[in-house]
Amino acid sequence: MGLFDKIKKISDDFFDGLSKDAANQIIKKAESAKLSSDALKSIKNVNDSTKKMMVLMRHLNGEYTEKEKKQLREKKEKEKIKNEKKKEKEKEKEIALKAIEKEIYEKRLVEFVEKYGDEVGKKIAKKELFLGMTLEMLKDVKGEHSDKVENVTYGKIKVKMYYEKSKNRLGNVAYGFEVSLENDLVIGWKDRKNKGMKEG
């Protein structure tokens, strides 16, 4: 005999005397005896708990009435339809976002091919960094920097541009991306979040 069978036998033995009719008779007797509302409430709560326990024990043992099976099937079907609708909405949203991204890229492509020529213009439109790009090109790719540090030595102007400003757990300022320039030309960059680095 399995664990569920043992538990079911114990519960069946325990609740044998608490059939629907017996429980209703007990409640009626309690009402006619004019017990306090608290006492009546307690008896009804025991009856409700008993019913719930018996249903639970049946379910644990894998036993379901035809009505319960139908309800489970309907519930699964509703969940399936709900999930399908959710996936459909997510797909529609993804398609809409891709269409917007494509439109933005096409506008950038026209603008930057006209400004820098075909090869460089395509890179800038795709927001690609490359060594030797100018400060103006960098702005077209990354936008305005959050902060910068400048160092001038022997006619060389070295600058570090910082982007993606945030605060760490200690409340200190942190940057997600860093670009190094020398005399307004990009000589390297660093992804400070993922520790990626590119230098000339």
N, C-alpha and C. Protein backbone atom coordinates (compact mmCIF):
# COMPACT_ATOMS: atom_id res chain seq x y z
N MET A 1 0.85 -1.20 0.00
CA MET A 1 0.00 0.00 0.00
C MET A 1 0.88 1.25 0.00
N GLY A 2 0.63 2.14 -0.98
CA GLY A 2 1.42 3.37 -1.08
C GLY A 2 1.08 4.39 0.00
N LEU A 3 1.88 5.43 0.07
CA LEU A 3 1.69 6.48 1.08
C LEU A 3 0.32 7.14 0.95
N PHE A 4 -0.06 7.50 -0.27
CA PHE A 4 -1.36 8.16 -0.48
C PHE A 4 -2.52 7.25 -0.06
N ASP A 5 -2.39 5.94 -0.38
CA ASP A 5 -3.44 4.99 0.00
C ASP A 5 -3.59 4.90 1.51
N LYS A 6 -2.44 4.90 2.20
CA LYS A 6 -2.46 4.84 3.68
C LYS A 6 -3.14 6.08 4.26
N ILE A 7 -2.73 7.25 3.72
CA ILE A 7 -3.31 8.51 4.21
C ILE A 7 -4.81 8.54 3.94
N LYS A 8 -5.20 8.07 2.74
CA LYS A 8 -6.62 8.08 2.37
C LYS A 8 -7.42 7.18 3.31
N LYS A 9 -6.86 5.98 3.64
CA LYS A 9 -7.56 5.06 4.53
C LYS A 9 -7.77 5.68 5.90
N ILE A 10 -6.71 6.35 6.41
CA ILE A 10 -6.81 7.01 7.72
C ILE A 10 -7.88 8.09 7.67
N SER A 11 -7.85 8.91 6.58
CA SER A 11 -8.82 10.01 6.47
C SER A 11 -10.23 9.48 6.30
N ASP A 12 -10.38 8.39 5.53
CA ASP A 12 -11.72 7.79 5.34
C ASP A 12 -12.28 7.29 6.67
N ASP A 13 -11.41 6.60 7.45
CA ASP A 13 -11.84 6.08 8.76
C ASP A 13 -12.24 7.23 9.69
N PHE A 14 -11.44 8.29 9.63
CA PHE A 14 -11.67 9.43 10.52
C PHE A 14 -12.97 10.17 10.18
N PHE A 15 -13.23 10.29 8.88
CA PHE A 15 -14.37 11.09 8.44
C PHE A 15 -15.63 10.28 8.13
N ASP A 16 -15.57 8.96 8.45
CA ASP A 16 -16.73 8.11 8.17
C ASP A 16 -18.02 8.64 8.81
N GLY A 17 -17.89 9.10 10.04
CA GLY A 17 -19.07 9.58 10.76
C GLY A 17 -19.47 11.00 10.40
N LEU A 18 -18.72 11.61 9.49
CA LEU A 18 -19.00 12.99 9.12
C LEU A 18 -19.50 13.09 7.67
N SER A 19 -20.46 12.24 7.34
CA SER A 19 -21.06 12.32 6.01
C SER A 19 -21.85 13.61 5.92
N LYS A 20 -22.31 13.94 4.72
CA LYS A 20 -23.05 15.19 4.50
C LYS A 20 -24.29 15.25 5.39
N ASP A 21 -25.05 14.13 5.44
CA ASP A 21 -26.29 14.11 6.24
C ASP A 21 -25.98 14.26 7.72
N ALA A 22 -24.92 13.53 8.16
CA ALA A 22 -24.57 13.57 9.59
C ALA A 22 -24.15 14.98 9.98
N ALA A 23 -23.36 15.63 9.13
CA ALA A 23 -22.89 16.98 9.42
C ALA A 23 -24.06 17.96 9.48
N ASN A 24 -24.99 17.82 8.54
CA ASN A 24 -26.17 18.71 8.52
C ASN A 24 -27.02 18.52 9.77
N GLN A 25 -27.16 17.25 10.22
CA GLN A 25 -27.95 16.95 11.43
C GLN A 25 -27.30 17.59 12.66
N ILE A 26 -25.98 17.48 12.72
CA ILE A 26 -25.24 18.07 13.86
C ILE A 26 -25.47 19.58 13.90
N ILE A 27 -25.38 20.24 12.73
CA ILE A 27 -25.57 21.69 12.65
C ILE A 27 -27.00 22.07 13.07
N LYS A 28 -28.00 21.28 12.60
CA LYS A 28 -29.40 21.57 12.95
C LYS A 28 -29.64 21.44 14.45
N LYS A 29 -29.05 20.37 15.04
CA LYS A 29 -29.20 20.16 16.49
C LYS A 29 -28.56 21.31 17.26
N ALA A 30 -27.42 21.75 16.77
CA ALA A 30 -26.72 22.85 17.44
C ALA A 30 -27.55 24.13 17.35
N GLU A 31 -28.18 24.36 16.21
CA GLU A 31 -29.02 25.55 16.03
C GLU A 31 -30.25 25.51 16.93
N SER A 32 -30.90 24.29 17.00
CA SER A 32 -32.10 24.18 17.85
C SER A 32 -31.75 24.24 19.33
N ALA A 33 -30.53 23.86 19.67
CA ALA A 33 -30.08 23.96 21.07
C ALA A 33 -29.71 25.40 21.43
N LYS A 34 -29.84 26.28 20.41
CA LYS A 34 -29.56 27.71 20.60
C LYS A 34 -28.15 27.97 21.15
N LEU A 35 -27.19 27.30 20.49
CA LEU A 35 -25.80 27.56 20.86
C LEU A 35 -25.41 28.97 20.40
N SER A 36 -24.37 29.51 20.98
CA SER A 36 -23.92 30.86 20.61
C SER A 36 -23.48 30.88 19.14
N SER A 37 -23.50 32.06 18.56
CA SER A 37 -23.10 32.20 17.14
C SER A 37 -21.67 31.75 16.93
N ASP A 38 -20.80 31.98 17.92
CA ASP A 38 -19.40 31.56 17.82
C ASP A 38 -19.29 30.04 17.76
N ALA A 39 -20.10 29.34 18.59
CA ALA A 39 -20.08 27.88 18.61
C ALA A 39 -20.58 27.32 17.28
N LEU A 40 -21.70 27.89 16.78
CA LEU A 40 -22.25 27.46 15.48
C LEU A 40 -21.23 27.69 14.36
N LYS A 41 -20.59 28.83 14.42
CA LYS A 41 -19.58 29.16 13.41
C LYS A 41 -18.44 28.15 13.43
N SER A 42 -18.01 27.76 14.62
CA SER A 42 -16.93 26.79 14.78
C SER A 42 -17.32 25.43 14.19
N ILE A 43 -18.57 25.00 14.46
CA ILE A 43 -19.06 23.72 13.92
C ILE A 43 -19.09 23.75 12.39
N LYS A 44 -19.60 24.87 11.85
CA LYS A 44 -19.67 25.00 10.39
C LYS A 44 -18.26 25.04 9.78
N ASN A 45 -17.33 25.69 10.47
CA ASN A 45 -15.95 25.75 9.98
C ASN A 45 -15.32 24.36 9.94
N VAL A 46 -15.61 23.55 11.00
CA VAL A 46 -15.10 22.18 11.04
C VAL A 46 -15.67 21.39 9.87
N ASN A 47 -16.97 21.58 9.62
CA ASN A 47 -17.63 20.88 8.50
C ASN A 47 -17.00 21.26 7.16
N ASP A 48 -16.79 22.57 6.96
CA ASP A 48 -16.17 23.06 5.71
C ASP A 48 -14.75 22.53 5.55
N SER A 49 -14.00 22.56 6.66
CA SER A 49 -12.62 22.07 6.63
C SER A 49 -12.58 20.58 6.31
N THR A 50 -13.53 19.84 6.85
CA THR A 50 -13.62 18.40 6.60
C THR A 50 -13.86 18.13 5.12
N LYS A 51 -14.79 18.88 4.53
CA LYS A 51 -15.10 18.72 3.10
C LYS A 51 -13.86 19.01 2.25
N LYS A 52 -13.19 20.09 2.60
CA LYS A 52 -11.98 20.48 1.85
C LYS A 52 -10.90 19.42 1.99
N MET A 53 -10.75 18.87 3.21
CA MET A 53 -9.74 17.85 3.47
C MET A 53 -10.02 16.59 2.65
N MET A 54 -11.29 16.19 2.59
CA MET A 54 -11.67 14.99 1.85
C MET A 54 -11.41 15.17 0.35
N VAL A 55 -11.71 16.36 -0.16
CA VAL A 55 -11.44 16.66 -1.57
C VAL A 55 -9.95 16.62 -1.83
N LEU A 56 -9.17 17.23 -0.92
CA LEU A 56 -7.71 17.25 -1.05
C LEU A 56 -7.14 15.84 -1.05
N MET A 57 -7.63 14.99 -0.15
CA MET A 57 -7.13 13.62 -0.07
C MET A 57 -7.44 12.85 -1.35
N ARG A 58 -8.62 13.07 -1.91
CA ARG A 58 -8.97 12.43 -3.19
C ARG A 58 -8.01 12.86 -4.28
N HIS A 59 -7.75 14.18 -4.31
CA HIS A 59 -6.87 14.73 -5.35
C HIS A 59 -5.44 14.21 -5.20
N LEU A 60 -4.98 14.12 -3.94
CA LEU A 60 -3.63 13.59 -3.70
C LEU A 60 -3.52 12.14 -4.16
N ASN A 61 -4.63 11.44 -4.10
CA ASN A 61 -4.66 10.04 -4.52
C ASN A 61 -4.98 9.90 -6.01
N GLY A 62 -5.09 11.05 -6.69
CA GLY A 62 -5.34 11.03 -8.13
C GLY A 62 -6.78 10.78 -8.51
N GLU A 63 -7.70 10.97 -7.57
CA GLU A 63 -9.12 10.74 -7.85
C GLU A 63 -9.84 12.07 -8.06
N TYR A 64 -10.52 12.18 -9.20
CA TYR A 64 -11.28 13.39 -9.53
C TYR A 64 -12.66 12.99 -10.05
N THR A 65 -13.66 13.77 -9.69
CA THR A 65 -14.99 13.53 -10.24
C THR A 65 -15.02 14.01 -11.68
N GLU A 66 -16.03 13.60 -12.43
CA GLU A 66 -16.15 14.03 -13.83
C GLU A 66 -16.24 15.55 -13.92
N LYS A 67 -16.96 16.15 -12.97
CA LYS A 67 -17.10 17.61 -12.94
C LYS A 67 -15.74 18.28 -12.73
N GLU A 68 -14.96 17.71 -11.79
CA GLU A 68 -13.63 18.27 -11.51
C GLU A 68 -12.70 18.12 -12.71
N LYS A 69 -12.80 16.95 -13.39
CA LYS A 69 -11.98 16.71 -14.58
C LYS A 69 -12.31 17.75 -15.66
N LYS A 70 -13.61 18.01 -15.82
CA LYS A 70 -14.05 18.99 -16.80
C LYS A 70 -13.52 20.38 -16.46
N GLN A 71 -13.60 20.72 -15.16
CA GLN A 71 -13.11 22.02 -14.70
C GLN A 71 -11.60 22.17 -14.95
N LEU A 72 -10.86 21.08 -14.71
CA LEU A 72 -9.41 21.10 -14.93
C LEU A 72 -9.09 21.27 -16.41
N ARG A 73 -9.86 20.57 -17.27
CA ARG A 73 -9.66 20.70 -18.72
C ARG A 73 -9.94 22.12 -19.18
N GLU A 74 -11.04 22.70 -18.65
CA GLU A 74 -11.41 24.07 -19.01
C GLU A 74 -10.36 25.07 -18.54
N LYS A 75 -9.84 24.82 -17.34
CA LYS A 75 -8.81 25.70 -16.78
C LYS A 75 -7.54 25.66 -17.64
N LYS A 76 -7.13 24.42 -18.03
CA LYS A 76 -5.95 24.27 -18.88
C LYS A 76 -6.13 24.93 -20.23
N GLU A 77 -7.35 24.80 -20.77
CA GLU A 77 -7.65 25.39 -22.07
C GLU A 77 -7.58 26.92 -22.00
N LYS A 78 -8.14 27.47 -20.90
CA LYS A 78 -8.09 28.93 -20.70
C LYS A 78 -6.66 29.42 -20.57
N GLU A 79 -5.85 28.68 -19.81
CA GLU A 79 -4.44 29.04 -19.63
C GLU A 79 -3.69 28.98 -20.95
N LYS A 80 -4.01 27.95 -21.75
CA LYS A 80 -3.38 27.79 -23.05
C LYS A 80 -3.71 28.97 -23.96
N ILE A 81 -5.00 29.35 -24.00
CA ILE A 81 -5.45 30.48 -24.83
C ILE A 81 -4.79 31.77 -24.34
N LYS A 82 -4.72 31.94 -23.00
CA LYS A 82 -4.12 33.13 -22.40
C LYS A 82 -2.63 33.24 -22.79
N ASN A 83 -1.92 32.10 -22.71
CA ASN A 83 -0.50 32.08 -23.07
C ASN A 83 -0.27 32.36 -24.55
N GLU A 84 -1.16 31.81 -25.38
CA GLU A 84 -1.07 32.03 -26.83
C GLU A 84 -1.27 33.51 -27.17
N LYS A 85 -2.26 34.14 -26.48
CA LYS A 85 -2.53 35.57 -26.70
C LYS A 85 -1.35 36.42 -26.24
N LYS A 86 -0.75 36.00 -25.11
CA LYS A 86 0.40 36.73 -24.57
C LYS A 86 1.58 36.66 -25.55
N LYS A 87 1.83 35.44 -26.09
CA LYS A 87 2.91 35.26 -27.06
C LYS A 87 2.65 36.08 -28.32
N GLU A 88 1.37 36.10 -28.73
CA GLU A 88 0.99 36.84 -29.93
C GLU A 88 1.25 38.33 -29.75
N LYS A 89 0.89 38.86 -28.57
CA LYS A 89 1.11 40.28 -28.27
C LYS A 89 2.60 40.60 -28.23
N GLU A 90 3.38 39.70 -27.63
CA GLU A 90 4.84 39.90 -27.55
C GLU A 90 5.46 39.90 -28.95
N LYS A 91 4.95 39.01 -29.81
CA LYS A 91 5.44 38.94 -31.19
C LYS A 91 5.10 40.21 -31.96
N GLU A 92 3.86 40.69 -31.76
CA GLU A 92 3.43 41.94 -32.42
C GLU A 92 4.30 43.12 -31.96
N LYS A 93 4.57 43.15 -30.65
CA LYS A 93 5.41 44.22 -30.08
C LYS A 93 6.82 44.16 -30.66
N GLU A 94 7.35 42.93 -30.78
CA GLU A 94 8.70 42.74 -31.33
C GLU A 94 8.76 43.20 -32.78
N ILE A 95 7.72 42.86 -33.56
CA ILE A 95 7.66 43.26 -34.97
C ILE A 95 7.60 44.79 -35.08
N ALA A 96 6.77 45.40 -34.20
CA ALA A 96 6.63 46.86 -34.20
C ALA A 96 7.95 47.54 -33.86
N LEU A 97 8.66 46.99 -32.86
CA LEU A 97 9.95 47.56 -32.45
C LEU A 97 10.99 47.43 -33.56
N LYS A 98 10.99 46.28 -34.24
CA LYS A 98 11.93 46.08 -35.34
C LYS A 98 11.65 47.05 -36.49
N ALA A 99 10.36 47.31 -36.73
CA ALA A 99 9.97 48.25 -37.79
C ALA A 99 10.45 49.67 -37.45
N ILE A 100 10.32 50.04 -36.16
CA ILE A 100 10.78 51.37 -35.71
C ILE A 100 12.30 51.47 -35.83
N GLU A 101 12.99 50.39 -35.37
CA GLU A 101 14.46 50.37 -35.45
C GLU A 101 14.94 50.48 -36.89
N LYS A 102 14.25 49.78 -37.79
CA LYS A 102 14.61 49.81 -39.21
C LYS A 102 14.44 51.22 -39.78
N GLU A 103 13.33 51.86 -39.40
CA GLU A 103 13.04 53.22 -39.88
C GLU A 103 14.10 54.20 -39.39
N ILE A 104 14.47 54.08 -38.10
CA ILE A 104 15.51 54.95 -37.52
C ILE A 104 16.85 54.72 -38.22
N TYR A 105 17.19 53.44 -38.45
CA TYR A 105 18.45 53.11 -39.12
C TYR A 105 18.49 53.68 -40.53
N GLU A 106 17.40 53.54 -41.26
CA GLU A 106 17.35 54.05 -42.64
C GLU A 106 17.53 55.56 -42.70
N LYS A 107 16.94 56.26 -41.73
CA LYS A 107 17.11 57.72 -41.66
C LYS A 107 18.56 58.08 -41.35
N ARG A 108 19.15 57.35 -40.39
CA ARG A 108 20.56 57.57 -40.03
C ARG A 108 21.47 57.28 -41.23
N LEU A 109 21.15 56.19 -41.94
CA LEU A 109 21.97 55.79 -43.09
C LEU A 109 22.02 56.89 -44.15
N VAL A 110 20.85 57.43 -44.48
CA VAL A 110 20.79 58.51 -45.48
C VAL A 110 21.61 59.71 -45.00
N GLU A 111 21.40 60.09 -43.73
CA GLU A 111 22.07 61.26 -43.16
C GLU A 111 23.59 61.10 -43.15
N PHE A 112 24.08 59.93 -42.67
CA PHE A 112 25.52 59.79 -42.48
C PHE A 112 26.28 59.37 -43.73
N VAL A 113 25.62 58.71 -44.66
CA VAL A 113 26.28 58.43 -45.95
C VAL A 113 26.50 59.74 -46.69
N GLU A 114 25.53 60.62 -46.56
CA GLU A 114 25.65 61.96 -47.18
C GLU A 114 26.76 62.77 -46.50
N LYS A 115 26.89 62.60 -45.19
CA LYS A 115 27.85 63.37 -44.41
C LYS A 115 29.28 62.83 -44.51
N TYR A 116 29.44 61.47 -44.48
CA TYR A 116 30.78 60.88 -44.40
C TYR A 116 31.16 60.00 -45.61
N GLY A 117 30.23 59.75 -46.49
CA GLY A 117 30.51 58.82 -47.58
C GLY A 117 29.97 57.44 -47.25
N ASP A 118 29.98 56.55 -48.25
CA ASP A 118 29.32 55.24 -48.14
C ASP A 118 29.88 54.36 -47.03
N GLU A 119 31.18 54.07 -47.04
CA GLU A 119 31.78 53.11 -46.10
C GLU A 119 31.68 53.56 -44.64
N VAL A 120 32.12 54.77 -44.37
CA VAL A 120 32.09 55.30 -43.00
C VAL A 120 30.66 55.58 -42.57
N GLY A 121 29.86 56.11 -43.50
CA GLY A 121 28.46 56.43 -43.19
C GLY A 121 27.68 55.22 -42.70
N LYS A 122 27.92 54.05 -43.33
CA LYS A 122 27.24 52.81 -42.92
C LYS A 122 27.63 52.41 -41.49
N LYS A 123 28.92 52.56 -41.19
CA LYS A 123 29.40 52.22 -39.84
C LYS A 123 28.76 53.14 -38.79
N ILE A 124 28.72 54.43 -39.10
CA ILE A 124 28.14 55.39 -38.15
C ILE A 124 26.64 55.12 -37.97
N ALA A 125 25.95 54.80 -39.07
CA ALA A 125 24.51 54.51 -39.02
C ALA A 125 24.23 53.30 -38.13
N LYS A 126 25.16 52.32 -38.16
CA LYS A 126 25.02 51.12 -37.33
C LYS A 126 25.54 51.32 -35.91
N LYS A 127 26.02 52.52 -35.63
CA LYS A 127 26.58 52.88 -34.31
C LYS A 127 27.81 52.05 -33.98
N GLU A 128 28.64 51.84 -35.01
CA GLU A 128 29.89 51.09 -34.83
C GLU A 128 31.04 52.04 -34.50
N LEU A 129 31.84 51.64 -33.52
CA LEU A 129 33.07 52.38 -33.22
C LEU A 129 34.20 51.79 -34.07
N PHE A 130 35.14 52.64 -34.46
CA PHE A 130 36.33 52.14 -35.15
C PHE A 130 37.50 53.06 -34.84
N LEU A 131 38.70 52.49 -34.86
CA LEU A 131 39.91 53.25 -34.55
C LEU A 131 40.15 54.30 -35.63
N GLY A 132 40.53 55.49 -35.18
CA GLY A 132 40.81 56.58 -36.10
C GLY A 132 39.60 57.46 -36.41
N MET A 133 38.44 57.11 -35.86
CA MET A 133 37.26 57.95 -36.10
C MET A 133 37.43 59.28 -35.37
N THR A 134 36.82 60.32 -35.91
CA THR A 134 36.97 61.66 -35.33
C THR A 134 36.04 61.85 -34.14
N LEU A 135 36.28 62.92 -33.40
CA LEU A 135 35.43 63.27 -32.27
C LEU A 135 33.99 63.48 -32.72
N GLU A 136 33.81 64.10 -33.88
CA GLU A 136 32.46 64.36 -34.40
C GLU A 136 31.75 63.03 -34.72
N MET A 137 32.49 62.11 -35.32
CA MET A 137 31.93 60.78 -35.61
C MET A 137 31.53 60.06 -34.33
N LEU A 138 32.39 60.18 -33.31
CA LEU A 138 32.11 59.56 -32.01
C LEU A 138 30.80 60.10 -31.43
N LYS A 139 30.60 61.41 -31.53
CA LYS A 139 29.36 62.02 -31.04
C LYS A 139 28.14 61.49 -31.79
N ASP A 140 28.31 61.26 -33.11
CA ASP A 140 27.20 60.73 -33.91
C ASP A 140 26.85 59.29 -33.52
N VAL A 141 27.85 58.57 -33.02
CA VAL A 141 27.63 57.18 -32.60
C VAL A 141 27.13 57.09 -31.16
N LYS A 142 27.83 57.76 -30.23
CA LYS A 142 27.56 57.60 -28.80
C LYS A 142 26.75 58.73 -28.17
N GLY A 143 26.58 59.83 -28.91
CA GLY A 143 25.89 60.98 -28.31
C GLY A 143 26.83 61.74 -27.39
N GLU A 144 26.27 62.59 -26.55
CA GLU A 144 27.09 63.39 -25.64
C GLU A 144 27.64 62.52 -24.50
N HIS A 145 28.88 62.77 -24.13
CA HIS A 145 29.50 62.04 -23.04
C HIS A 145 28.94 62.51 -21.69
N SER A 146 29.09 61.66 -20.67
CA SER A 146 28.66 62.02 -19.31
C SER A 146 29.76 62.79 -18.58
N ASP A 147 30.99 62.45 -18.90
CA ASP A 147 32.13 63.09 -18.23
C ASP A 147 33.38 62.88 -19.09
N LYS A 148 34.42 63.66 -18.82
CA LYS A 148 35.68 63.45 -19.55
C LYS A 148 36.86 63.89 -18.70
N VAL A 149 38.02 63.28 -19.01
CA VAL A 149 39.27 63.65 -18.34
C VAL A 149 40.27 63.96 -19.45
N GLU A 150 40.89 65.16 -19.36
CA GLU A 150 41.81 65.61 -20.41
C GLU A 150 43.23 65.69 -19.86
N ASN A 151 44.20 65.26 -20.70
CA ASN A 151 45.60 65.28 -20.29
C ASN A 151 46.44 65.78 -21.47
N VAL A 152 47.14 66.92 -21.28
CA VAL A 152 47.93 67.53 -22.37
C VAL A 152 49.41 67.35 -22.08
N THR A 153 50.16 66.72 -23.04
CA THR A 153 51.61 66.54 -22.89
C THR A 153 52.29 66.63 -24.25
N TYR A 154 53.36 67.47 -24.35
CA TYR A 154 54.18 67.57 -25.56
C TYR A 154 53.36 67.63 -26.85
N GLY A 155 52.42 68.52 -26.86
CA GLY A 155 51.62 68.74 -28.06
C GLY A 155 50.56 67.69 -28.33
N LYS A 156 50.44 66.70 -27.43
CA LYS A 156 49.40 65.68 -27.56
C LYS A 156 48.28 65.95 -26.57
N ILE A 157 47.08 65.91 -27.07
CA ILE A 157 45.92 66.08 -26.17
C ILE A 157 45.24 64.72 -26.05
N LYS A 158 45.37 64.11 -24.89
CA LYS A 158 44.74 62.80 -24.64
C LYS A 158 43.48 63.01 -23.80
N VAL A 159 42.42 62.42 -24.26
CA VAL A 159 41.12 62.59 -23.58
C VAL A 159 40.47 61.22 -23.37
N LYS A 160 39.87 61.06 -22.19
CA LYS A 160 39.04 59.88 -21.94
C LYS A 160 37.60 60.37 -21.80
N MET A 161 36.71 59.84 -22.65
CA MET A 161 35.28 60.18 -22.61
C MET A 161 34.54 59.06 -21.88
N TYR A 162 33.65 59.45 -20.98
CA TYR A 162 32.90 58.45 -20.20
C TYR A 162 31.40 58.54 -20.53
N TYR A 163 30.77 57.35 -20.66
CA TYR A 163 29.35 57.25 -21.03
C TYR A 163 28.61 56.32 -20.07
N GLU A 164 27.28 56.35 -20.18
CA GLU A 164 26.41 55.45 -19.39
C GLU A 164 26.64 55.63 -17.88
N LYS A 165 26.43 56.85 -17.42
CA LYS A 165 26.64 57.19 -16.01
C LYS A 165 25.60 56.52 -15.12
N SER A 166 26.06 56.03 -13.99
CA SER A 166 25.15 55.42 -13.00
C SER A 166 25.81 55.49 -11.63
N LYS A 167 25.11 54.94 -10.62
CA LYS A 167 25.69 54.88 -9.28
C LYS A 167 25.77 53.43 -8.85
N ASN A 168 26.90 53.06 -8.22
CA ASN A 168 27.05 51.69 -7.76
C ASN A 168 26.37 51.50 -6.40
N ARG A 169 26.54 50.32 -5.81
CA ARG A 169 25.85 50.00 -4.55
C ARG A 169 26.26 50.91 -3.40
N LEU A 170 27.47 51.44 -3.47
CA LEU A 170 27.96 52.33 -2.41
C LEU A 170 27.55 53.79 -2.64
N GLY A 171 26.87 54.03 -3.76
CA GLY A 171 26.43 55.39 -4.08
C GLY A 171 27.46 56.19 -4.84
N ASN A 172 28.56 55.55 -5.24
CA ASN A 172 29.60 56.24 -6.01
C ASN A 172 29.25 56.24 -7.49
N VAL A 173 29.69 57.28 -8.19
CA VAL A 173 29.43 57.40 -9.63
C VAL A 173 30.25 56.34 -10.38
N ALA A 174 29.60 55.69 -11.34
CA ALA A 174 30.27 54.69 -12.19
C ALA A 174 29.88 54.93 -13.64
N TYR A 175 30.72 54.46 -14.56
CA TYR A 175 30.45 54.64 -15.99
C TYR A 175 30.51 53.28 -16.69
N GLY A 176 29.60 53.08 -17.62
CA GLY A 176 29.53 51.79 -18.30
C GLY A 176 30.46 51.68 -19.49
N PHE A 177 30.87 52.84 -20.04
CA PHE A 177 31.69 52.80 -21.26
C PHE A 177 32.68 53.95 -21.27
N GLU A 178 33.88 53.65 -21.80
CA GLU A 178 34.97 54.64 -21.83
C GLU A 178 35.63 54.63 -23.20
N VAL A 179 35.86 55.83 -23.77
CA VAL A 179 36.54 55.94 -25.07
C VAL A 179 37.76 56.83 -24.90
N SER A 180 38.89 56.36 -25.45
CA SER A 180 40.15 57.13 -25.39
C SER A 180 40.41 57.80 -26.73
N LEU A 181 40.76 59.08 -26.69
CA LEU A 181 41.10 59.84 -27.90
C LEU A 181 42.46 60.50 -27.75
N GLU A 182 43.11 60.67 -28.90
CA GLU A 182 44.37 61.42 -28.93
C GLU A 182 44.27 62.39 -30.10
N ASN A 183 44.42 63.69 -29.78
CA ASN A 183 44.25 64.75 -30.79
C ASN A 183 42.94 64.59 -31.57
N ASP A 184 41.86 64.33 -30.82
CA ASP A 184 40.50 64.21 -31.36
C ASP A 184 40.27 63.01 -32.28
N LEU A 185 41.14 62.00 -32.19
CA LEU A 185 40.93 60.76 -32.93
C LEU A 185 40.83 59.59 -31.94
N VAL A 186 39.91 58.69 -32.18
CA VAL A 186 39.71 57.55 -31.27
C VAL A 186 40.87 56.57 -31.39
N ILE A 187 41.47 56.24 -30.22
CA ILE A 187 42.59 55.28 -30.22
C ILE A 187 42.24 54.01 -29.41
N GLY A 188 41.07 53.99 -28.81
CA GLY A 188 40.66 52.80 -28.07
C GLY A 188 39.40 53.04 -27.27
N TRP A 189 38.80 51.96 -26.79
CA TRP A 189 37.61 52.07 -25.93
C TRP A 189 37.52 50.87 -25.01
N LYS A 190 36.72 51.01 -23.98
CA LYS A 190 36.59 49.96 -22.97
C LYS A 190 35.13 49.84 -22.52
N ASP A 191 34.61 48.62 -22.58
CA ASP A 191 33.28 48.33 -22.02
C ASP A 191 33.50 48.02 -20.54
N ARG A 192 33.22 48.97 -19.69
CA ARG A 192 33.53 48.82 -18.26
C ARG A 192 32.59 47.86 -17.54
N LYS A 193 31.43 47.57 -18.15
CA LYS A 193 30.49 46.62 -17.56
C LYS A 193 30.96 45.19 -17.81
N ASN A 194 31.37 44.92 -19.07
CA ASN A 194 31.75 43.57 -19.46
C ASN A 194 33.27 43.36 -19.57
N LYS A 195 34.02 44.39 -19.22
CA LYS A 195 35.48 44.35 -19.21
C LYS A 195 36.08 44.15 -20.61
N GLY A 196 35.31 44.44 -21.64
CA GLY A 196 35.83 44.34 -23.00
C GLY A 196 36.69 45.55 -23.32
N MET A 197 37.76 45.38 -24.13
CA MET A 197 38.66 46.49 -24.40
C MET A 197 39.15 46.43 -25.85
N LYS A 198 39.27 47.61 -26.47
CA LYS A 198 39.83 47.70 -27.82
C LYS A 198 40.74 48.90 -27.86
N GLU A 199 42.00 48.64 -28.24
CA GLU A 199 42.97 49.75 -28.32
C GLU A 199 43.80 49.62 -29.58
N GLY A 200 44.21 50.79 -30.10
CA GLY A 200 45.03 50.79 -31.28
C GLY A 200 46.51 50.64 -30.92
